[in-house]
């Protein structure tokens, strides 16, 4: 009688251990997938920021050019200021 209960108990313990192991592996995979998704989103945001920075520098250069054409005696150096502020890491 005790041998039968002992065998059943061992089988139950093995089933619990396997279930727990599968759960832990699935959790780590899911976490890894989430991290990968966040990294992709972060790279997209970094690229957007880089493009916006370049756009702002181009606009500053255009404003400088127009200012120099309209007012030859005024130098705003807006492009240099924009580059210094935006590219300061």
C-alpha atoms as a PDB file:
ATOM      1  CA  UNK A   1       0.000   0.000   0.000  1.00  0.00           C
ATOM      2  CA  UNK A   2       2.773   2.435   0.928  1.00  0.00           C
ATOM      3  CA  UNK A   3       4.680   1.555  -2.231  1.00  0.00           C
ATOM      4  CA  UNK A   4       1.708   2.554  -4.390  1.00  0.00           C
ATOM      5  CA  UNK A   5       1.343   5.852  -2.544  1.00  0.00           C
ATOM      6  CA  UNK A   6       5.090   6.435  -2.797  1.00  0.00           C
ATOM      7  CA  UNK A   7       5.030   5.881  -6.585  1.00  0.00           C
ATOM      8  CA  UNK A   8       2.041   8.187  -7.015  1.00  0.00           C
ATOM      9  CA  UNK A   9       3.703  10.832  -4.835  1.00  0.00           C
ATOM     10  CA  UNK A  10       6.879  10.687  -6.958  1.00  0.00           C
ATOM     11  CA  UNK A  11       4.870  11.029 -10.170  1.00  0.00           C
ATOM     12  CA  UNK A  12       2.987  14.008  -8.762  1.00  0.00           C
ATOM     13  CA  UNK A  13       6.252  15.649  -7.710  1.00  0.00           C
ATOM     14  CA  UNK A  14       7.740  15.116 -11.187  1.00  0.00           C
ATOM     15  CA  UNK A  15       4.619  16.603 -12.792  1.00  0.00           C
ATOM     16  CA  UNK A  16       4.767  19.634 -10.497  1.00  0.00           C
ATOM     17  CA  UNK A  17       8.486  20.121 -11.191  1.00  0.00           C
ATOM     18  CA  UNK A  18       7.956  19.890 -14.954  1.00  0.00           C
ATOM     19  CA  UNK A  19       5.028  22.306 -14.829  1.00  0.00           C
ATOM     20  CA  UNK A  20       7.012  24.794 -12.791  1.00  0.00           C
ATOM     21  CA  UNK A  21       9.979  24.512 -15.147  1.00  0.00           C
ATOM     22  CA  UNK A  22       7.812  25.110 -18.210  1.00  0.00           C
ATOM     23  CA  UNK A  23       6.206  28.118 -16.539  1.00  0.00           C
ATOM     24  CA  UNK A  24       9.592  29.640 -15.658  1.00  0.00           C
ATOM     25  CA  UNK A  25      10.948  29.112 -19.184  1.00  0.00           C
ATOM     26  CA  UNK A  26       7.808  30.648 -20.720  1.00  0.00           C
ATOM     27  CA  UNK A  27       8.070  33.642 -18.384  1.00  0.00           C
ATOM     28  CA  UNK A  28      11.689  34.300 -19.387  1.00  0.00           C
ATOM     29  CA  UNK A  29      10.833  33.986 -23.087  1.00  0.00           C
ATOM     30  CA  UNK A  30       7.953  36.412 -22.711  1.00  0.00           C
ATOM     31  CA  UNK A  31      10.184  38.842 -20.832  1.00  0.00           C
ATOM     32  CA  UNK A  32      12.860  38.558 -23.530  1.00  0.00           C
ATOM     33  CA  UNK A  33      10.277  39.288 -26.229  1.00  0.00           C
ATOM     34  CA  UNK A  34       9.104  42.374 -24.336  1.00  0.00           C
ATOM     35  CA  UNK A  35      12.655  43.625 -23.982  1.00  0.00           C
ATOM     36  CA  UNK A  36      13.210  43.145 -27.723  1.00  0.00           C
ATOM     37  CA  UNK A  37      10.035  45.096 -28.497  1.00  0.00           C
ATOM     38  CA  UNK A  38      11.093  47.932 -26.198  1.00  0.00           C
ATOM     39  CA  UNK A  39      14.538  48.037 -27.809  1.00  0.00           C
ATOM     40  CA  UNK A  40      12.957  48.331 -31.256  1.00  0.00           C
ATOM     41  CA  UNK A  41      10.692  51.138 -30.082  1.00  0.00           C
ATOM     42  CA  UNK A  42      13.642  52.894 -28.450  1.00  0.00           C
ATOM     43  CA  UNK A  43      15.666  52.701 -31.668  1.00  0.00           C
ATOM     44  CA  UNK A  44      12.742  54.199 -33.620  1.00  0.00           C
ATOM     45  CA  UNK A  45      12.460  57.036 -31.121  1.00  0.00           C
ATOM     46  CA  UNK A  46      16.198  57.704 -31.267  1.00  0.00           C
ATOM     47  CA  UNK A  47      16.014  57.862 -35.052  1.00  0.00           C
ATOM     48  CA  UNK A  48      13.073  60.284 -34.855  1.00  0.00           C
ATOM     49  CA  UNK A  49      14.978  62.502 -32.442  1.00  0.00           C
ATOM     50  CA  UNK A  50      18.012  62.460 -34.721  1.00  0.00           C
ATOM     51  CA  UNK A  51      15.874  63.497 -37.704  1.00  0.00           C
ATOM     52  CA  UNK A  52      14.196  66.273 -35.728  1.00  0.00           C
ATOM     53  CA  UNK A  53      17.574  67.550 -34.568  1.00  0.00           C
ATOM     54  CA  UNK A  54      18.844  67.692 -38.132  1.00  0.00           C
ATOM     55  CA  UNK A  55      15.656  69.431 -39.242  1.00  0.00           C
ATOM     56  CA  UNK A  56      15.986  72.087 -36.546  1.00  0.00           C
ATOM     57  CA  UNK A  57      19.604  72.739 -37.496  1.00  0.00           C
ATOM     58  CA  UNK A  58      18.603  73.107 -41.157  1.00  0.00           C
ATOM     59  CA  UNK A  59      15.834  75.550 -40.205  1.00  0.00           C
ATOM     60  CA  UNK A  60      18.278  77.548 -38.082  1.00  0.00           C
ATOM     61  CA  UNK A  61      20.666  77.704 -41.041  1.00  0.00           C
ATOM     62  CA  UNK A  62      17.862  78.894 -43.335  1.00  0.00           C
ATOM     63  CA  UNK A  63      16.834  81.578 -40.838  1.00  0.00           C
ATOM     64  CA  UNK A  64      20.469  82.693 -40.566  1.00  0.00           C
ATOM     65  CA  UNK A  65      20.720  82.936 -44.338  1.00  0.00           C
ATOM     66  CA  UNK A  66      17.533  84.957 -44.623  1.00  0.00           C
ATOM     67  CA  UNK A  67      18.568  87.215 -41.749  1.00  0.00           C
ATOM     68  CA  UNK A  68      21.912  87.913 -43.401  1.00  0.00           C
ATOM     69  CA  UNK A  69      20.158  88.758 -46.682  1.00  0.00           C
ATOM     70  CA  UNK A  70      17.666  91.082 -45.043  1.00  0.00           C
ATOM     71  CA  UNK A  71      20.023  92.629 -42.493  1.00  0.00           C
ATOM     72  CA  UNK A  72      23.619  92.512 -43.615  1.00  0.00           C
ATOM     73  CA  UNK A  73      24.874  94.229 -40.483  1.00  0.00           C
ATOM     74  CA  UNK A  74      23.272  91.674 -38.103  1.00  0.00           C
ATOM     75  CA  UNK A  75      24.833  88.283 -37.381  1.00  0.00           C
ATOM     76  CA  UNK A  76      22.653  85.992 -35.306  1.00  0.00           C
ATOM     77  CA  UNK A  77      24.773  82.825 -35.444  1.00  0.00           C
ATOM     78  CA  UNK A  78      21.570  80.885 -34.839  1.00  0.00           C
ATOM     79  CA  UNK A  79      22.899  77.802 -36.607  1.00  0.00           C
ATOM     80  CA  UNK A  80      25.891  77.512 -34.286  1.00  0.00           C
ATOM     81  CA  UNK A  81      23.732  78.063 -31.218  1.00  0.00           C
ATOM     82  CA  UNK A  82      21.214  75.438 -32.373  1.00  0.00           C
ATOM     83  CA  UNK A  83      23.961  72.906 -33.106  1.00  0.00           C
ATOM     84  CA  UNK A  84      25.580  73.527 -29.754  1.00  0.00           C
ATOM     85  CA  UNK A  85      22.314  73.074 -27.858  1.00  0.00           C
ATOM     86  CA  UNK A  86      20.949  70.125 -29.821  1.00  0.00           C
ATOM     87  CA  UNK A  87      24.126  68.112 -30.246  1.00  0.00           C
ATOM     88  CA  UNK A  88      25.282  68.509 -26.655  1.00  0.00           C
ATOM     89  CA  UNK A  89      25.226  64.952 -25.301  1.00  0.00           C
END
